[in-house]
């Protein structure tokens, strides 16, 4: 083996994206369980296109979206086990644009509300409401000073000899 710019180069077939170790298979510690998927699947839109079935399952792509949202990583860093990042991002954006995510959220909230798992009572404590720091020095409507003339302002005489003579 030889070292190339601080990384060990093993060979093109053994070398994965510049990493020193092979990428671990994505086993979903935080992926959707079968019970969660059973609740979520009926809320998702059905595929409309006839022909070849999709290469990546919706569950796999949604787990990729959940991984990205949970970690806050860039889309390009979505692990390959969830599908190509372009496919994962494409599904996320398409469902965001056609409001599928809002429909899924409404469906899940309705189910949870029917089961009595959501309390809709809201309490707001006004003692913690604070004004913005710039709100304290704002000019009030009745205290405005008249604006100055647009031209240059003549300076006042500051010495006795520069004052006009009385006489």
N, C-alpha and C. Protein backbone atom coordinates (compact mmCIF):
# COMPACT_ATOMS: atom_id res chain seq x y z
N UNK A 1 0.85 -1.19 0.00
CA UNK A 1 0.00 0.00 0.00
C UNK A 1 0.88 1.24 0.00
N UNK A 2 0.38 2.26 -0.61
CA UNK A 2 1.10 3.53 -0.61
C UNK A 2 0.17 4.61 -0.11
N UNK A 3 0.77 5.66 0.42
CA UNK A 3 -0.02 6.75 0.96
C UNK A 3 -0.14 7.85 -0.08
N UNK A 4 -1.37 8.30 -0.31
CA UNK A 4 -1.61 9.37 -1.27
C UNK A 4 -2.34 10.49 -0.55
N UNK A 5 -1.71 11.64 -0.44
CA UNK A 5 -2.27 12.84 0.20
C UNK A 5 -2.97 12.55 1.51
N UNK A 6 -2.28 11.84 2.39
CA UNK A 6 -2.78 11.63 3.75
C UNK A 6 -3.76 10.48 3.89
N UNK A 7 -4.11 9.80 2.83
CA UNK A 7 -5.04 8.67 2.91
C UNK A 7 -4.38 7.44 2.29
N UNK A 8 -4.75 6.29 2.79
CA UNK A 8 -4.21 5.06 2.23
C UNK A 8 -4.99 4.70 0.99
N UNK A 9 -4.31 4.50 -0.09
CA UNK A 9 -4.97 4.10 -1.33
C UNK A 9 -4.79 2.60 -1.49
N UNK A 10 -5.89 1.89 -1.50
CA UNK A 10 -5.85 0.44 -1.56
C UNK A 10 -5.97 -0.03 -3.01
N UNK A 11 -6.81 0.57 -3.72
CA UNK A 11 -7.07 0.18 -5.10
C UNK A 11 -8.44 0.69 -5.47
N UNK A 12 -8.68 0.86 -6.75
CA UNK A 12 -9.94 1.44 -7.15
C UNK A 12 -11.12 0.60 -6.75
N UNK A 13 -11.01 -0.72 -6.86
CA UNK A 13 -12.14 -1.58 -6.53
C UNK A 13 -12.38 -1.67 -5.02
N UNK A 14 -11.36 -1.48 -4.21
CA UNK A 14 -11.52 -1.55 -2.75
C UNK A 14 -11.72 -0.19 -2.12
N UNK A 15 -11.52 0.85 -2.86
CA UNK A 15 -11.54 2.21 -2.32
C UNK A 15 -12.94 2.80 -2.47
N UNK A 16 -13.60 3.14 -1.38
CA UNK A 16 -14.96 3.66 -1.41
C UNK A 16 -14.98 5.13 -1.05
N UNK A 17 -15.15 5.99 -2.01
CA UNK A 17 -15.37 7.43 -1.80
C UNK A 17 -14.32 8.09 -0.94
N UNK A 18 -13.09 7.64 -0.97
CA UNK A 18 -12.05 8.30 -0.20
C UNK A 18 -12.06 7.97 1.28
N UNK A 19 -12.88 7.03 1.71
CA UNK A 19 -12.92 6.67 3.11
C UNK A 19 -11.83 5.66 3.43
N UNK A 20 -11.42 5.64 4.68
CA UNK A 20 -10.41 4.68 5.10
C UNK A 20 -11.03 3.31 5.37
N UNK A 21 -12.29 3.28 5.71
CA UNK A 21 -12.98 2.01 5.96
C UNK A 21 -14.19 1.93 5.05
N UNK A 22 -14.63 0.72 4.80
CA UNK A 22 -15.81 0.55 3.96
C UNK A 22 -17.03 1.11 4.68
N UNK A 23 -17.96 1.60 3.91
CA UNK A 23 -19.18 2.15 4.48
C UNK A 23 -20.00 1.02 5.10
N UNK A 24 -20.47 1.24 6.31
CA UNK A 24 -21.26 0.22 6.98
C UNK A 24 -22.65 0.16 6.38
N UNK A 25 -23.21 -1.02 6.35
CA UNK A 25 -24.57 -1.16 5.85
C UNK A 25 -25.52 -0.43 6.80
N UNK A 26 -26.52 0.19 6.22
CA UNK A 26 -27.46 0.96 7.02
C UNK A 26 -28.47 0.00 7.63
N UNK A 27 -28.30 -0.26 8.89
CA UNK A 27 -29.32 -1.01 9.59
C UNK A 27 -30.03 0.02 10.44
N UNK A 28 -31.28 0.01 10.39
CA UNK A 28 -31.97 1.15 10.91
C UNK A 28 -32.29 1.15 12.37
N UNK A 29 -31.36 1.62 13.13
CA UNK A 29 -31.65 1.84 14.54
C UNK A 29 -32.79 2.84 14.67
N UNK A 30 -32.83 3.83 13.79
CA UNK A 30 -33.89 4.83 13.85
C UNK A 30 -34.82 4.74 12.64
N UNK A 31 -34.70 3.67 11.85
CA UNK A 31 -35.59 3.50 10.70
C UNK A 31 -36.99 3.13 11.18
N UNK A 32 -37.94 3.25 10.27
CA UNK A 32 -39.33 2.93 10.59
C UNK A 32 -39.47 1.45 10.92
N UNK A 33 -40.18 1.16 11.98
CA UNK A 33 -40.47 -0.23 12.31
C UNK A 33 -41.64 -0.70 11.44
N UNK A 34 -41.90 -1.99 11.47
CA UNK A 34 -43.02 -2.53 10.68
C UNK A 34 -44.34 -1.96 11.15
N UNK A 35 -44.50 -1.77 12.46
CA UNK A 35 -45.75 -1.20 12.99
C UNK A 35 -45.91 0.26 12.54
N UNK A 36 -44.82 1.02 12.58
CA UNK A 36 -44.88 2.41 12.14
C UNK A 36 -45.18 2.49 10.64
N UNK A 37 -44.57 1.61 9.86
CA UNK A 37 -44.80 1.60 8.43
C UNK A 37 -46.25 1.23 8.11
N UNK A 38 -46.82 0.32 8.90
CA UNK A 38 -48.22 -0.07 8.68
C UNK A 38 -49.16 1.11 8.90
N UNK A 39 -48.82 2.00 9.81
CA UNK A 39 -49.64 3.20 10.05
C UNK A 39 -49.40 4.24 8.95
N UNK A 40 -48.17 4.38 8.52
CA UNK A 40 -47.80 5.43 7.57
C UNK A 40 -48.18 5.10 6.13
N UNK A 41 -48.06 3.86 5.73
CA UNK A 41 -48.24 3.49 4.32
C UNK A 41 -49.60 3.87 3.73
N UNK A 42 -50.72 3.69 4.45
CA UNK A 42 -52.00 4.09 3.85
C UNK A 42 -52.13 5.60 3.62
N UNK A 43 -51.33 6.41 4.30
CA UNK A 43 -51.40 7.86 4.14
C UNK A 43 -50.59 8.37 2.95
N UNK A 44 -49.76 7.51 2.37
CA UNK A 44 -48.89 7.92 1.27
C UNK A 44 -49.62 7.80 -0.06
N UNK A 45 -49.25 8.64 -1.04
CA UNK A 45 -49.89 8.55 -2.35
C UNK A 45 -49.49 7.26 -3.05
N UNK A 46 -50.44 6.70 -3.79
CA UNK A 46 -50.17 5.49 -4.57
C UNK A 46 -49.46 5.88 -5.87
N UNK A 47 -48.60 4.99 -6.35
CA UNK A 47 -47.91 5.24 -7.60
C UNK A 47 -48.91 5.23 -8.75
N UNK A 48 -48.75 6.16 -9.69
CA UNK A 48 -49.70 6.30 -10.79
C UNK A 48 -49.14 5.81 -12.11
N UNK A 49 -47.84 5.63 -12.19
CA UNK A 49 -47.22 5.31 -13.47
C UNK A 49 -47.27 3.79 -13.71
N UNK A 50 -47.77 3.38 -14.87
CA UNK A 50 -47.67 1.97 -15.23
C UNK A 50 -46.27 1.69 -15.77
N UNK A 51 -45.90 0.45 -15.81
CA UNK A 51 -44.61 0.11 -16.38
C UNK A 51 -43.68 -0.49 -15.35
N UNK A 52 -42.42 -0.18 -15.51
CA UNK A 52 -41.39 -0.76 -14.67
C UNK A 52 -41.57 -0.33 -13.21
N UNK A 53 -41.47 -1.27 -12.26
CA UNK A 53 -41.59 -0.88 -10.85
C UNK A 53 -40.37 -0.06 -10.43
N UNK A 54 -40.56 0.79 -9.42
CA UNK A 54 -39.42 1.62 -8.98
C UNK A 54 -38.30 0.76 -8.41
N UNK A 55 -37.08 1.24 -8.60
CA UNK A 55 -35.91 0.51 -8.11
C UNK A 55 -35.79 0.59 -6.59
N UNK A 56 -36.20 1.72 -6.03
CA UNK A 56 -36.07 1.95 -4.59
C UNK A 56 -37.46 1.98 -3.97
N UNK A 57 -37.63 1.28 -2.87
CA UNK A 57 -38.92 1.23 -2.17
C UNK A 57 -39.18 2.56 -1.46
N UNK A 58 -40.45 2.92 -1.35
CA UNK A 58 -40.80 4.17 -0.66
C UNK A 58 -40.31 4.15 0.78
N UNK A 59 -40.43 3.00 1.43
CA UNK A 59 -40.00 2.90 2.83
C UNK A 59 -38.52 3.21 2.95
N UNK A 60 -37.72 2.72 2.02
CA UNK A 60 -36.29 2.95 2.03
C UNK A 60 -35.99 4.43 1.82
N UNK A 61 -36.68 5.06 0.86
CA UNK A 61 -36.45 6.48 0.58
C UNK A 61 -36.91 7.35 1.75
N UNK A 62 -38.04 7.00 2.35
CA UNK A 62 -38.53 7.77 3.51
C UNK A 62 -37.57 7.63 4.68
N UNK A 63 -37.00 6.45 4.87
CA UNK A 63 -35.98 6.29 5.91
C UNK A 63 -34.76 7.15 5.61
N UNK A 64 -34.42 7.31 4.32
CA UNK A 64 -33.32 8.21 3.94
C UNK A 64 -33.65 9.66 4.24
N UNK A 65 -34.89 10.06 3.98
CA UNK A 65 -35.32 11.42 4.30
C UNK A 65 -35.28 11.64 5.80
N UNK A 66 -35.76 10.67 6.56
CA UNK A 66 -35.76 10.79 8.02
C UNK A 66 -34.32 10.86 8.55
N UNK A 67 -33.40 10.09 7.94
CA UNK A 67 -32.00 10.12 8.37
C UNK A 67 -31.43 11.52 8.14
N UNK A 68 -31.69 12.09 6.96
CA UNK A 68 -31.15 13.40 6.64
C UNK A 68 -31.72 14.48 7.55
N UNK A 69 -33.03 14.44 7.80
CA UNK A 69 -33.66 15.45 8.65
C UNK A 69 -33.17 15.30 10.09
N UNK A 70 -33.00 14.08 10.54
CA UNK A 70 -32.56 13.83 11.91
C UNK A 70 -31.12 14.29 12.15
N UNK A 71 -30.24 14.03 11.18
CA UNK A 71 -28.82 14.36 11.36
C UNK A 71 -28.48 15.79 10.95
N UNK A 72 -29.24 16.36 10.03
CA UNK A 72 -28.93 17.69 9.54
C UNK A 72 -27.78 17.71 8.56
N UNK A 73 -27.40 16.54 8.06
CA UNK A 73 -26.29 16.45 7.11
C UNK A 73 -26.74 16.93 5.73
N UNK A 74 -25.79 17.25 4.88
CA UNK A 74 -26.15 17.61 3.50
C UNK A 74 -26.79 16.41 2.78
N UNK A 75 -27.59 16.71 1.77
CA UNK A 75 -28.27 15.63 1.04
C UNK A 75 -27.28 14.67 0.42
N UNK A 76 -26.15 15.15 -0.01
CA UNK A 76 -25.15 14.29 -0.65
C UNK A 76 -24.55 13.27 0.32
N UNK A 77 -24.74 13.46 1.62
CA UNK A 77 -24.20 12.53 2.61
C UNK A 77 -25.19 11.47 3.05
N UNK A 78 -26.36 11.40 2.41
CA UNK A 78 -27.32 10.35 2.75
C UNK A 78 -26.67 9.01 2.41
N UNK A 79 -26.65 8.06 3.34
CA UNK A 79 -26.00 6.77 3.06
C UNK A 79 -26.61 6.08 1.84
N UNK A 80 -25.76 5.40 1.09
CA UNK A 80 -26.18 4.75 -0.15
C UNK A 80 -27.23 3.65 0.09
N UNK A 81 -27.30 3.12 1.28
CA UNK A 81 -28.28 2.08 1.58
C UNK A 81 -29.72 2.57 1.50
N UNK A 82 -29.91 3.87 1.55
CA UNK A 82 -31.25 4.46 1.45
C UNK A 82 -31.60 4.79 0.00
N UNK A 83 -30.65 4.64 -0.90
CA UNK A 83 -30.86 4.98 -2.30
C UNK A 83 -29.98 6.16 -2.65
N UNK A 84 -29.88 6.48 -3.94
CA UNK A 84 -29.08 7.64 -4.34
C UNK A 84 -29.63 8.91 -3.72
N UNK A 85 -28.75 9.79 -3.32
CA UNK A 85 -29.21 11.01 -2.65
C UNK A 85 -30.13 11.83 -3.54
N UNK A 86 -29.90 11.80 -4.86
CA UNK A 86 -30.76 12.56 -5.77
C UNK A 86 -32.19 12.02 -5.72
N UNK A 87 -32.34 10.71 -5.61
CA UNK A 87 -33.67 10.10 -5.56
C UNK A 87 -34.36 10.43 -4.24
N UNK A 88 -33.59 10.37 -3.14
CA UNK A 88 -34.15 10.69 -1.83
C UNK A 88 -34.58 12.15 -1.79
N UNK A 89 -33.72 13.05 -2.27
CA UNK A 89 -34.04 14.47 -2.29
C UNK A 89 -35.21 14.75 -3.23
N UNK A 90 -35.23 14.09 -4.38
CA UNK A 90 -36.31 14.30 -5.34
C UNK A 90 -37.67 13.94 -4.76
N UNK A 91 -37.75 12.83 -4.03
CA UNK A 91 -39.01 12.45 -3.39
C UNK A 91 -39.41 13.47 -2.32
N UNK A 92 -38.43 13.89 -1.53
CA UNK A 92 -38.70 14.89 -0.48
C UNK A 92 -39.27 16.17 -1.08
N UNK A 93 -38.62 16.70 -2.12
CA UNK A 93 -39.06 17.96 -2.73
C UNK A 93 -40.40 17.82 -3.45
N UNK A 94 -40.59 16.69 -4.14
CA UNK A 94 -41.85 16.49 -4.85
C UNK A 94 -43.02 16.46 -3.88
N UNK A 95 -42.85 15.75 -2.77
CA UNK A 95 -43.92 15.67 -1.77
C UNK A 95 -44.06 16.98 -1.01
N UNK A 96 -43.00 17.74 -0.91
CA UNK A 96 -43.10 19.05 -0.26
C UNK A 96 -43.89 20.01 -1.16
N UNK A 97 -43.67 19.96 -2.44
CA UNK A 97 -44.35 20.86 -3.38
C UNK A 97 -45.83 20.53 -3.54
N UNK A 98 -46.16 19.23 -3.55
CA UNK A 98 -47.58 18.88 -3.75
C UNK A 98 -48.31 18.67 -2.43
N UNK A 99 -47.72 19.12 -1.34
CA UNK A 99 -48.28 19.12 0.03
C UNK A 99 -48.63 17.73 0.55
N UNK A 100 -47.90 16.72 0.09
CA UNK A 100 -48.09 15.36 0.62
C UNK A 100 -47.68 15.29 2.08
N UNK A 101 -46.59 15.98 2.44
CA UNK A 101 -46.14 15.94 3.83
C UNK A 101 -47.19 16.54 4.76
N UNK A 102 -47.86 17.61 4.34
CA UNK A 102 -48.90 18.22 5.17
C UNK A 102 -50.07 17.25 5.34
N UNK A 103 -50.43 16.53 4.27
CA UNK A 103 -51.51 15.55 4.35
C UNK A 103 -51.15 14.40 5.27
N UNK A 104 -49.92 13.94 5.20
CA UNK A 104 -49.46 12.85 6.08
C UNK A 104 -49.50 13.31 7.53
N UNK A 105 -49.02 14.53 7.79
CA UNK A 105 -49.04 15.06 9.15
C UNK A 105 -50.47 15.18 9.67
N UNK A 106 -51.37 15.69 8.83
CA UNK A 106 -52.78 15.82 9.24
C UNK A 106 -53.39 14.45 9.53
N UNK A 107 -53.06 13.46 8.71
CA UNK A 107 -53.57 12.11 8.94
C UNK A 107 -53.05 11.50 10.23
N UNK A 108 -51.76 11.68 10.49
CA UNK A 108 -51.18 11.15 11.73
C UNK A 108 -51.73 11.87 12.96
N UNK A 109 -51.90 13.20 12.85
CA UNK A 109 -52.47 13.95 13.97
C UNK A 109 -53.92 13.55 14.22
N UNK A 110 -54.69 13.32 13.16
CA UNK A 110 -56.07 12.89 13.32
C UNK A 110 -56.17 11.54 14.00
N UNK A 111 -55.29 10.64 13.62
CA UNK A 111 -55.26 9.31 14.25
C UNK A 111 -54.89 9.41 15.73
N UNK A 112 -53.88 10.22 16.03
CA UNK A 112 -53.45 10.39 17.42
C UNK A 112 -54.52 11.09 18.25
N UNK A 113 -55.21 12.05 17.65
CA UNK A 113 -56.27 12.77 18.35
C UNK A 113 -57.44 11.83 18.64
N UNK A 114 -57.79 10.97 17.69
CA UNK A 114 -58.88 10.02 17.90
C UNK A 114 -58.55 9.03 19.01
N UNK A 115 -57.26 8.73 19.16
CA UNK A 115 -56.84 7.81 20.22
C UNK A 115 -56.65 8.54 21.55
N UNK A 116 -56.85 9.86 21.56
CA UNK A 116 -56.72 10.63 22.79
C UNK A 116 -55.28 10.88 23.21
N UNK A 117 -54.36 10.87 22.24
CA UNK A 117 -52.94 11.04 22.56
C UNK A 117 -52.47 12.48 22.44
N UNK A 118 -53.35 13.38 21.98
CA UNK A 118 -52.96 14.79 21.81
C UNK A 118 -53.83 15.65 22.71
N UNK A 119 -53.19 16.53 23.44
CA UNK A 119 -53.90 17.54 24.21
C UNK A 119 -53.73 18.86 23.46
N UNK A 120 -54.84 19.45 23.06
CA UNK A 120 -54.80 20.65 22.24
C UNK A 120 -54.85 21.93 23.07
N UNK A 121 -54.79 21.82 24.40
CA UNK A 121 -54.79 23.01 25.25
C UNK A 121 -53.46 23.73 25.10
N UNK A 122 -53.53 25.04 24.95
CA UNK A 122 -52.33 25.84 24.80
C UNK A 122 -52.30 26.86 25.91
N UNK A 123 -51.17 27.02 26.54
CA UNK A 123 -51.02 28.00 27.60
C UNK A 123 -49.85 28.90 27.26
N UNK A 124 -50.09 30.19 27.28
CA UNK A 124 -49.03 31.15 26.98
C UNK A 124 -48.82 32.00 28.22
N UNK A 125 -47.61 32.05 28.70
CA UNK A 125 -47.27 32.85 29.87
C UNK A 125 -46.67 34.16 29.37
N UNK A 126 -47.35 35.26 29.60
CA UNK A 126 -46.90 36.54 29.07
C UNK A 126 -45.71 37.11 29.82
N UNK A 127 -45.32 36.53 30.93
CA UNK A 127 -44.18 37.09 31.66
C UNK A 127 -42.88 36.86 30.91
N UNK A 128 -42.87 35.94 29.95
CA UNK A 128 -41.63 35.69 29.22
C UNK A 128 -41.58 36.41 27.89
N UNK A 129 -42.64 37.13 27.55
CA UNK A 129 -42.65 37.87 26.29
C UNK A 129 -41.75 39.09 26.42
N UNK A 130 -40.81 39.19 25.50
CA UNK A 130 -39.87 40.30 25.55
C UNK A 130 -39.90 41.05 24.23
N UNK A 131 -39.68 42.34 24.31
CA UNK A 131 -39.62 43.16 23.10
C UNK A 131 -38.22 43.04 22.52
N UNK A 132 -38.12 43.28 21.26
CA UNK A 132 -36.82 43.29 20.60
C UNK A 132 -36.00 44.46 21.13
N UNK A 133 -34.69 44.33 21.10
CA UNK A 133 -33.83 45.37 21.67
C UNK A 133 -34.00 46.71 20.97
N UNK A 134 -34.40 46.72 19.71
CA UNK A 134 -34.58 47.98 19.01
C UNK A 134 -35.93 48.62 19.28
N UNK A 135 -36.82 47.91 19.93
CA UNK A 135 -38.16 48.44 20.19
C UNK A 135 -38.13 49.56 21.23
N UNK A 136 -37.12 49.60 22.08
CA UNK A 136 -37.08 50.59 23.15
C UNK A 136 -36.76 51.99 22.64
N UNK A 137 -36.01 52.11 21.57
CA UNK A 137 -35.59 53.44 21.12
C UNK A 137 -36.31 53.94 19.90
N UNK A 138 -37.42 53.35 19.57
CA UNK A 138 -38.12 53.78 18.36
C UNK A 138 -38.74 55.15 18.55
N UNK A 139 -38.74 55.94 17.49
CA UNK A 139 -39.31 57.27 17.53
C UNK A 139 -40.83 57.16 17.53
N UNK A 140 -41.46 57.96 18.35
CA UNK A 140 -42.91 57.94 18.46
C UNK A 140 -43.50 58.92 17.44
N UNK A 141 -44.74 58.77 17.11
CA UNK A 141 -45.38 59.55 16.06
C UNK A 141 -45.47 61.04 16.41
N UNK A 142 -45.84 61.40 17.63
CA UNK A 142 -46.04 62.80 17.99
C UNK A 142 -44.78 63.55 18.33
N UNK A 143 -43.64 62.91 18.40
CA UNK A 143 -42.42 63.56 18.87
C UNK A 143 -41.47 63.88 17.72
N UNK A 144 -41.89 63.73 16.51
CA UNK A 144 -41.02 63.97 15.35
C UNK A 144 -40.60 65.43 15.30
N UNK A 145 -39.35 65.67 15.00
CA UNK A 145 -38.85 67.03 14.82
C UNK A 145 -39.05 67.42 13.37
N UNK A 146 -39.22 68.72 13.13
CA UNK A 146 -39.33 69.13 11.72
C UNK A 146 -38.01 68.84 11.01
N UNK A 147 -38.11 68.50 9.75
CA UNK A 147 -36.90 68.17 9.01
C UNK A 147 -36.10 69.44 8.72
N UNK A 148 -34.83 69.28 8.55
CA UNK A 148 -33.93 70.40 8.26
C UNK A 148 -34.01 70.77 6.79
N UNK A 149 -33.65 71.99 6.45
CA UNK A 149 -33.64 72.37 5.03
C UNK A 149 -32.61 71.54 4.27
N UNK A 150 -32.85 71.39 2.99
CA UNK A 150 -32.00 70.52 2.20
C UNK A 150 -30.64 71.12 1.89
N UNK A 151 -30.51 72.43 1.84
CA UNK A 151 -29.25 73.07 1.46
C UNK A 151 -28.26 73.11 2.60
N UNK A 152 -27.07 73.66 2.31
CA UNK A 152 -26.07 73.78 3.37
C UNK A 152 -26.51 74.80 4.42
N UNK A 153 -26.20 74.53 5.65
CA UNK A 153 -26.58 75.41 6.75
C UNK A 153 -25.40 76.34 7.03
N UNK A 154 -25.64 77.67 7.04
CA UNK A 154 -24.51 78.59 7.31
C UNK A 154 -24.06 78.42 8.76
N UNK A 155 -22.77 78.43 8.95
CA UNK A 155 -22.23 78.29 10.30
C UNK A 155 -22.37 79.61 11.05
N UNK A 156 -22.50 79.53 12.35
CA UNK A 156 -22.62 80.74 13.16
C UNK A 156 -21.24 81.29 13.47
N UNK A 157 -21.18 82.60 13.66
CA UNK A 157 -19.91 83.24 13.98
C UNK A 157 -19.50 82.86 15.39
N UNK A 158 -18.27 82.50 15.55
CA UNK A 158 -17.82 82.08 16.87
C UNK A 158 -16.89 83.08 17.53
N UNK A 159 -16.45 84.10 16.80
CA UNK A 159 -15.57 85.12 17.41
C UNK A 159 -16.18 86.49 17.22
N UNK A 160 -15.77 87.41 18.05
CA UNK A 160 -16.32 88.74 17.98
C UNK A 160 -15.99 89.46 16.70
N UNK A 161 -14.78 89.30 16.16
CA UNK A 161 -14.39 90.02 14.94
C UNK A 161 -15.10 89.47 13.70
N UNK A 162 -15.64 88.20 13.77
CA UNK A 162 -16.32 87.66 12.61
C UNK A 162 -17.80 88.02 12.62
N UNK A 163 -18.30 88.53 13.75
CA UNK A 163 -19.70 88.91 13.81
C UNK A 163 -19.92 90.20 13.04
N UNK A 164 -21.12 90.34 12.47
CA UNK A 164 -21.37 91.62 11.76
C UNK A 164 -21.35 92.79 12.75
N UNK A 165 -20.82 93.87 12.30
CA UNK A 165 -20.71 95.05 13.17
C UNK A 165 -22.08 95.72 13.32
N UNK A 166 -22.36 96.08 14.56
CA UNK A 166 -23.63 96.78 14.82
C UNK A 166 -23.40 98.25 14.54
N UNK A 167 -24.17 98.80 13.77
CA UNK A 167 -23.91 100.19 13.64
C UNK A 167 -24.55 100.99 12.69
